[in-house]
Amino acid sequence: MSGANVHDSQALLPLVLGIPAIRSRRGPRRRRPSKLRADKAYHSTEHLRWLRSRGIVPRIARPGIESSERLGRHRWKIERSISWLFGYRRLTVRYERKGSHFLGFLGLAAALTCYKKLTQPAT
């Protein structure tokens, strides 16, 4: 976690490095994703070069050239999940001073959200 005044693009490298191994049915576990989709804010030559050197294909809209609306097909799933999580009032404003407490409440919110989705009657 970082402060509120830190630009999001500075968290890209630790975020990608923090991705755990991906389970696969056959063969060795993959250590990194094959593609990365991001907004225009993450577009920089340093980030693109670093991602390509790790074998990750960047799908980042270029500022002034491409619109970020093309990412909308994939972003809505993420934004929907985040809106479900932040529907819990405790998470909208960070009251806790320690990050571990915030992560505990976030895990609890994720478990409750999954429970609600799984117990919903099928339509």
Protein backbone atom coordinates (compact mmCIF):
# COMPACT_ATOMS: atom_id res chain seq x y z
CA MET A 1 0.00 0.00 0.00
CA SER A 2 1.10 3.51 -0.66
CA GLY A 3 0.03 6.99 0.27
CA ALA A 4 -2.85 8.75 -1.41
CA ASN A 5 -0.55 11.31 -3.05
CA VAL A 6 1.55 8.72 -4.93
CA HIS A 7 0.88 8.32 -8.66
CA ASP A 8 -0.55 4.93 -9.65
CA SER A 9 2.16 4.28 -12.23
CA GLN A 10 4.77 3.98 -9.46
CA ALA A 11 2.94 0.92 -8.12
CA LEU A 12 3.03 -0.99 -11.42
CA LEU A 13 6.40 -2.69 -10.93
CA PRO A 14 5.77 -3.91 -7.34
CA LEU A 15 2.30 -5.06 -8.40
CA VAL A 16 3.61 -7.19 -11.27
CA LEU A 17 6.44 -8.56 -9.12
CA GLY A 18 3.95 -9.45 -6.38
CA ILE A 19 1.77 -11.68 -8.57
CA PRO A 20 1.93 -15.23 -7.19
CA ALA A 21 2.58 -18.28 -9.36
CA ILE A 22 -0.38 -19.23 -11.52
CA ARG A 23 -1.64 -22.79 -11.19
CA SER A 24 -1.82 -24.88 -14.32
CA ARG A 25 -3.19 -28.34 -14.93
CA ARG A 26 -0.12 -29.55 -16.79
CA GLY A 27 3.50 -28.56 -16.80
CA PRO A 28 5.32 -26.10 -14.58
CA ARG A 29 3.54 -23.19 -12.97
CA ARG A 30 3.58 -19.91 -14.85
CA ARG A 31 5.40 -17.20 -12.92
CA ARG A 32 3.94 -14.20 -14.70
CA PRO A 33 0.93 -13.21 -16.76
CA SER A 34 1.18 -13.23 -20.55
CA LYS A 35 -0.59 -9.86 -21.04
CA LEU A 36 -1.11 -6.72 -18.99
CA ARG A 37 -3.95 -4.28 -19.66
CA ALA A 38 -3.71 -0.79 -18.22
CA ASP A 39 -4.87 2.81 -18.61
CA LYS A 40 -3.00 5.63 -20.29
CA ALA A 41 -1.50 6.65 -16.95
CA TYR A 42 0.78 3.59 -17.04
CA HIS A 43 2.17 4.35 -20.51
CA SER A 44 5.88 5.13 -20.37
CA THR A 45 8.87 3.80 -22.27
CA GLU A 46 10.43 2.53 -19.04
CA HIS A 47 7.35 0.49 -18.11
CA LEU A 48 6.90 -0.86 -21.63
CA ARG A 49 10.57 -1.86 -21.87
CA TRP A 50 10.50 -3.51 -18.44
CA LEU A 51 7.32 -5.48 -19.21
CA ARG A 52 8.66 -6.67 -22.56
CA SER A 53 11.95 -7.75 -20.97
CA ARG A 54 9.93 -9.97 -18.60
CA GLY A 55 7.99 -11.52 -21.51
CA ILE A 56 4.72 -9.70 -20.77
CA VAL A 57 2.78 -8.18 -23.66
CA PRO A 58 1.62 -4.69 -22.60
CA ARG A 59 -1.85 -3.61 -23.72
CA ILE A 60 -1.66 0.03 -22.68
CA ALA A 61 -3.52 2.81 -24.51
CA ARG A 62 -1.19 5.50 -25.86
CA PRO A 63 -2.01 9.04 -24.70
CA GLY A 64 -3.36 11.27 -27.45
CA ILE A 65 -3.58 8.40 -29.97
CA GLU A 66 -5.80 5.62 -28.66
CA SER A 67 -8.81 5.92 -26.43
CA SER A 68 -8.94 3.88 -23.26
CA GLU A 69 -12.50 2.83 -24.17
CA ARG A 70 -11.15 -0.23 -25.95
CA LEU A 71 -10.09 -1.54 -22.57
CA GLY A 72 -13.70 -1.29 -21.40
CA ARG A 73 -14.50 -4.81 -22.52
CA HIS A 74 -12.10 -6.16 -19.92
CA ARG A 75 -12.21 -3.42 -17.29
CA TRP A 76 -15.88 -3.74 -16.38
CA LYS A 77 -15.27 -7.03 -14.56
CA ILE A 78 -12.59 -5.46 -12.41
CA GLU A 79 -14.53 -2.26 -11.75
CA ARG A 80 -17.64 -4.25 -10.85
CA SER A 81 -15.68 -6.32 -8.34
CA ILE A 82 -14.11 -3.22 -6.80
CA SER A 83 -17.52 -1.57 -6.47
CA TRP A 84 -18.82 -4.69 -4.69
CA LEU A 85 -15.91 -4.57 -2.26
CA PHE A 86 -16.21 -0.85 -1.59
CA GLY A 87 -19.92 -1.22 -0.97
CA TYR A 88 -18.81 -2.01 2.57
CA ARG A 89 -18.57 1.36 4.29
CA ARG A 90 -15.54 0.45 6.35
CA LEU A 91 -13.44 0.14 3.18
CA THR A 92 -14.50 3.36 1.44
CA VAL A 93 -12.62 5.57 3.89
CA ARG A 94 -9.52 4.05 5.40
CA TYR A 95 -9.94 4.33 9.16
CA GLU A 96 -7.17 1.91 10.13
CA ARG A 97 -3.62 3.09 10.66
CA LYS A 98 -2.09 -0.31 10.00
CA GLY A 99 -2.19 -1.88 6.56
CA SER A 100 -2.68 -5.33 8.03
CA HIS A 101 -6.02 -4.27 9.54
CA PHE A 102 -7.19 -2.85 6.22
CA LEU A 103 -6.18 -6.05 4.42
CA GLY A 104 -8.05 -8.07 7.04
CA PHE A 105 -11.25 -6.11 6.41
CA LEU A 106 -10.67 -6.38 2.66
CA GLY A 107 -10.39 -10.18 2.94
CA LEU A 108 -13.55 -10.30 5.01
CA ALA A 109 -15.39 -8.18 2.43
CA ALA A 110 -14.15 -10.47 -0.37
CA ALA A 111 -15.37 -13.56 1.52
CA LEU A 112 -18.78 -11.98 2.16
CA THR A 113 -19.09 -10.91 -1.48
CA CYS A 114 -18.27 -14.42 -2.70
CA TYR A 115 -20.68 -15.95 -0.21
CA LYS A 116 -23.48 -13.64 -1.37
CA LYS A 117 -22.80 -14.47 -5.03
CA LEU A 118 -22.69 -18.21 -4.39
CA THR A 119 -25.88 -18.31 -2.33
CA GLN A 120 -27.83 -16.25 -4.86
CA PRO A 121 -30.54 -18.29 -6.56
CA ALA A 122 -29.83 -18.99 -10.23
CA THR A 123 -32.05 -17.13 -12.68
